[in-house]
């Protein structure tokens, strides 16, 4: 289990690592009550970056959301 502050630090580290990766739409924090995780939104399930299972004990959850378009 990861607290919110640990998740924020881990998100910052992972977001910096993935900043220029066009396969990634976004990096956020999910969960509540001391059970936080980092959520990575991807463009495609077939072309995904190599991600660890966790960063500093904060689990990483992957969601394929597709390409995001401006409206």
N, C-alpha and C. Protein backbone atom coordinates (compact mmCIF):
# COMPACT_ATOMS: atom_id res chain seq x y z
N UNK A 1 0.84 -1.18 0.00
CA UNK A 1 0.00 0.00 0.00
C UNK A 1 0.88 1.24 0.00
N UNK A 2 0.45 2.24 -0.74
CA UNK A 2 1.23 3.46 -0.87
C UNK A 2 0.40 4.66 -0.44
N UNK A 3 1.01 5.55 0.34
CA UNK A 3 0.30 6.76 0.73
C UNK A 3 0.36 7.78 -0.42
N UNK A 4 -0.43 8.83 -0.30
CA UNK A 4 -0.57 9.80 -1.37
C UNK A 4 0.74 10.52 -1.68
N UNK A 5 1.49 10.89 -0.69
CA UNK A 5 2.75 11.62 -0.94
C UNK A 5 3.76 10.74 -1.67
N UNK A 6 3.86 9.48 -1.30
CA UNK A 6 4.75 8.55 -1.99
C UNK A 6 4.31 8.38 -3.44
N UNK A 7 2.99 8.29 -3.66
CA UNK A 7 2.46 8.16 -5.02
C UNK A 7 2.77 9.41 -5.84
N UNK A 8 2.69 10.58 -5.23
CA UNK A 8 2.98 11.82 -5.96
C UNK A 8 4.44 11.87 -6.42
N UNK A 9 5.34 11.47 -5.55
CA UNK A 9 6.76 11.46 -5.91
C UNK A 9 7.03 10.43 -7.01
N UNK A 10 6.45 9.25 -6.87
CA UNK A 10 6.64 8.20 -7.87
C UNK A 10 6.05 8.62 -9.22
N UNK A 11 4.91 9.28 -9.21
CA UNK A 11 4.29 9.77 -10.45
C UNK A 11 5.20 10.78 -11.14
N UNK A 12 5.77 11.66 -10.37
CA UNK A 12 6.67 12.68 -10.93
C UNK A 12 7.87 12.01 -11.61
N UNK A 13 8.43 11.01 -10.99
CA UNK A 13 9.57 10.27 -11.56
C UNK A 13 9.17 9.58 -12.86
N UNK A 14 8.04 8.87 -12.83
CA UNK A 14 7.60 8.14 -14.02
C UNK A 14 7.16 9.09 -15.14
N UNK A 15 6.47 10.15 -14.79
CA UNK A 15 6.03 11.12 -15.81
C UNK A 15 7.22 11.74 -16.52
N UNK A 16 8.29 12.04 -15.79
CA UNK A 16 9.49 12.60 -16.41
C UNK A 16 10.13 11.58 -17.36
N UNK A 17 10.13 10.33 -16.96
CA UNK A 17 10.70 9.26 -17.78
C UNK A 17 9.91 9.05 -19.07
N UNK A 18 8.60 9.25 -19.02
CA UNK A 18 7.74 8.98 -20.17
C UNK A 18 7.32 10.24 -20.92
N UNK A 19 7.86 11.38 -20.56
CA UNK A 19 7.42 12.67 -21.10
C UNK A 19 7.44 12.75 -22.62
N UNK A 20 8.41 12.18 -23.26
CA UNK A 20 8.53 12.28 -24.72
C UNK A 20 8.11 11.02 -25.45
N UNK A 21 7.42 10.13 -24.76
CA UNK A 21 7.00 8.86 -25.35
C UNK A 21 5.59 9.03 -25.93
N UNK A 22 5.48 9.01 -27.25
CA UNK A 22 4.20 9.23 -27.93
C UNK A 22 3.20 8.09 -27.73
N UNK A 23 3.65 6.98 -27.15
CA UNK A 23 2.75 5.86 -26.87
C UNK A 23 1.95 6.09 -25.60
N UNK A 24 2.33 7.12 -24.84
CA UNK A 24 1.70 7.41 -23.56
C UNK A 24 0.85 8.68 -23.67
N UNK A 25 -0.42 8.58 -23.28
CA UNK A 25 -1.32 9.74 -23.28
C UNK A 25 -1.24 10.54 -21.99
N UNK A 26 -0.97 9.87 -20.89
CA UNK A 26 -0.95 10.57 -19.62
C UNK A 26 -0.54 9.67 -18.47
N UNK A 27 -0.16 10.31 -17.39
CA UNK A 27 0.23 9.61 -16.16
C UNK A 27 -0.50 10.29 -15.02
N UNK A 28 -1.19 9.51 -14.21
CA UNK A 28 -1.95 10.07 -13.10
C UNK A 28 -1.88 9.20 -11.87
N UNK A 29 -2.63 9.59 -10.86
CA UNK A 29 -2.70 8.85 -9.60
C UNK A 29 -4.13 8.38 -9.41
N UNK A 30 -4.29 7.13 -9.02
CA UNK A 30 -5.60 6.58 -8.73
C UNK A 30 -5.61 5.93 -7.36
N UNK A 31 -6.77 5.57 -6.89
CA UNK A 31 -6.90 4.92 -5.59
C UNK A 31 -7.32 5.89 -4.51
N UNK A 32 -7.36 5.40 -3.29
CA UNK A 32 -7.74 6.23 -2.15
C UNK A 32 -7.38 5.52 -0.85
N UNK A 33 -7.47 6.25 0.23
CA UNK A 33 -7.31 5.66 1.56
C UNK A 33 -6.01 4.94 1.81
N UNK A 34 -4.90 5.47 1.31
CA UNK A 34 -3.62 4.83 1.53
C UNK A 34 -3.33 3.68 0.59
N UNK A 35 -4.17 3.52 -0.40
CA UNK A 35 -3.99 2.45 -1.38
C UNK A 35 -3.89 3.07 -2.77
N UNK A 36 -2.88 3.92 -2.94
CA UNK A 36 -2.73 4.68 -4.19
C UNK A 36 -1.87 3.92 -5.20
N UNK A 37 -2.09 4.26 -6.48
CA UNK A 37 -1.33 3.65 -7.57
C UNK A 37 -1.10 4.71 -8.64
N UNK A 38 -0.17 4.42 -9.52
CA UNK A 38 0.08 5.30 -10.65
C UNK A 38 -0.64 4.69 -11.85
N UNK A 39 -1.40 5.51 -12.55
CA UNK A 39 -2.12 5.04 -13.72
C UNK A 39 -1.45 5.61 -14.97
N UNK A 40 -1.09 4.73 -15.90
CA UNK A 40 -0.47 5.14 -17.16
C UNK A 40 -1.46 4.85 -18.28
N UNK A 41 -1.84 5.90 -19.01
CA UNK A 41 -2.77 5.77 -20.14
C UNK A 41 -1.98 5.63 -21.43
N UNK A 42 -2.28 4.57 -22.18
CA UNK A 42 -1.56 4.28 -23.41
C UNK A 42 -2.45 4.44 -24.64
N UNK A 43 -1.80 4.67 -25.77
CA UNK A 43 -2.49 4.80 -27.05
C UNK A 43 -2.92 3.42 -27.57
N UNK A 44 -2.05 2.41 -27.42
CA UNK A 44 -2.31 1.10 -28.00
C UNK A 44 -1.81 -0.02 -27.09
N UNK A 45 -2.53 -1.12 -27.09
CA UNK A 45 -2.08 -2.28 -26.32
C UNK A 45 -0.93 -3.01 -27.02
N UNK A 46 -0.81 -2.81 -28.33
CA UNK A 46 0.19 -3.51 -29.12
C UNK A 46 1.56 -2.85 -29.12
N UNK A 47 1.61 -1.56 -28.81
CA UNK A 47 2.86 -0.81 -28.82
C UNK A 47 2.97 -0.05 -27.51
N UNK A 48 3.54 -0.71 -26.52
CA UNK A 48 3.60 -0.10 -25.19
C UNK A 48 5.03 -0.04 -24.67
N UNK A 49 5.32 0.96 -23.89
CA UNK A 49 6.66 1.07 -23.34
C UNK A 49 6.92 -0.01 -22.28
N UNK A 50 8.17 -0.27 -22.04
CA UNK A 50 8.56 -1.23 -21.01
C UNK A 50 8.44 -0.52 -19.66
N UNK A 51 7.50 -0.95 -18.84
CA UNK A 51 7.24 -0.30 -17.56
C UNK A 51 7.50 -1.28 -16.41
N UNK A 52 7.99 -0.76 -15.29
CA UNK A 52 8.15 -1.62 -14.12
C UNK A 52 6.78 -1.93 -13.51
N UNK A 53 6.72 -2.89 -12.62
CA UNK A 53 5.47 -3.20 -11.93
C UNK A 53 5.11 -2.15 -10.89
N UNK A 54 6.17 -1.52 -10.34
CA UNK A 54 5.95 -0.46 -9.35
C UNK A 54 7.15 0.47 -9.32
N UNK A 55 6.96 1.62 -8.71
CA UNK A 55 8.04 2.56 -8.46
C UNK A 55 8.00 2.91 -6.98
N UNK A 56 9.07 2.60 -6.28
CA UNK A 56 9.17 2.85 -4.83
C UNK A 56 7.98 2.28 -4.07
N UNK A 57 7.52 1.11 -4.50
CA UNK A 57 6.42 0.44 -3.82
C UNK A 57 5.03 0.89 -4.26
N UNK A 58 4.96 1.84 -5.18
CA UNK A 58 3.66 2.29 -5.68
C UNK A 58 3.36 1.50 -6.96
N UNK A 59 2.29 0.70 -6.96
CA UNK A 59 1.99 -0.12 -8.13
C UNK A 59 1.62 0.73 -9.34
N UNK A 60 1.90 0.20 -10.52
CA UNK A 60 1.57 0.87 -11.77
C UNK A 60 0.43 0.11 -12.44
N UNK A 61 -0.60 0.85 -12.80
CA UNK A 61 -1.75 0.28 -13.52
C UNK A 61 -1.75 0.85 -14.93
N UNK A 62 -1.94 0.00 -15.91
CA UNK A 62 -1.93 0.42 -17.31
C UNK A 62 -3.35 0.37 -17.86
N UNK A 63 -3.73 1.44 -18.55
CA UNK A 63 -5.04 1.49 -19.22
C UNK A 63 -4.81 1.91 -20.67
N UNK A 64 -5.42 1.17 -21.58
CA UNK A 64 -5.35 1.54 -23.00
C UNK A 64 -6.58 2.39 -23.29
N UNK A 65 -6.35 3.67 -23.57
CA UNK A 65 -7.45 4.61 -23.79
C UNK A 65 -7.54 5.07 -25.24
N UNK A 66 -6.57 4.68 -26.04
CA UNK A 66 -6.56 5.09 -27.44
C UNK A 66 -5.99 6.48 -27.62
N UNK A 67 -6.00 6.93 -28.84
CA UNK A 67 -5.47 8.25 -29.16
C UNK A 67 -6.48 9.31 -28.72
N UNK A 68 -5.97 10.37 -28.16
CA UNK A 68 -6.83 11.45 -27.69
C UNK A 68 -6.75 12.58 -28.72
N UNK A 69 -7.93 13.04 -29.12
CA UNK A 69 -8.02 14.10 -30.14
C UNK A 69 -8.58 15.37 -29.52
N UNK A 70 -8.12 16.47 -30.02
CA UNK A 70 -8.63 17.77 -29.63
C UNK A 70 -9.99 17.98 -30.27
N UNK A 71 -10.94 18.54 -29.53
CA UNK A 71 -12.27 18.79 -30.07
C UNK A 71 -12.50 20.26 -30.28
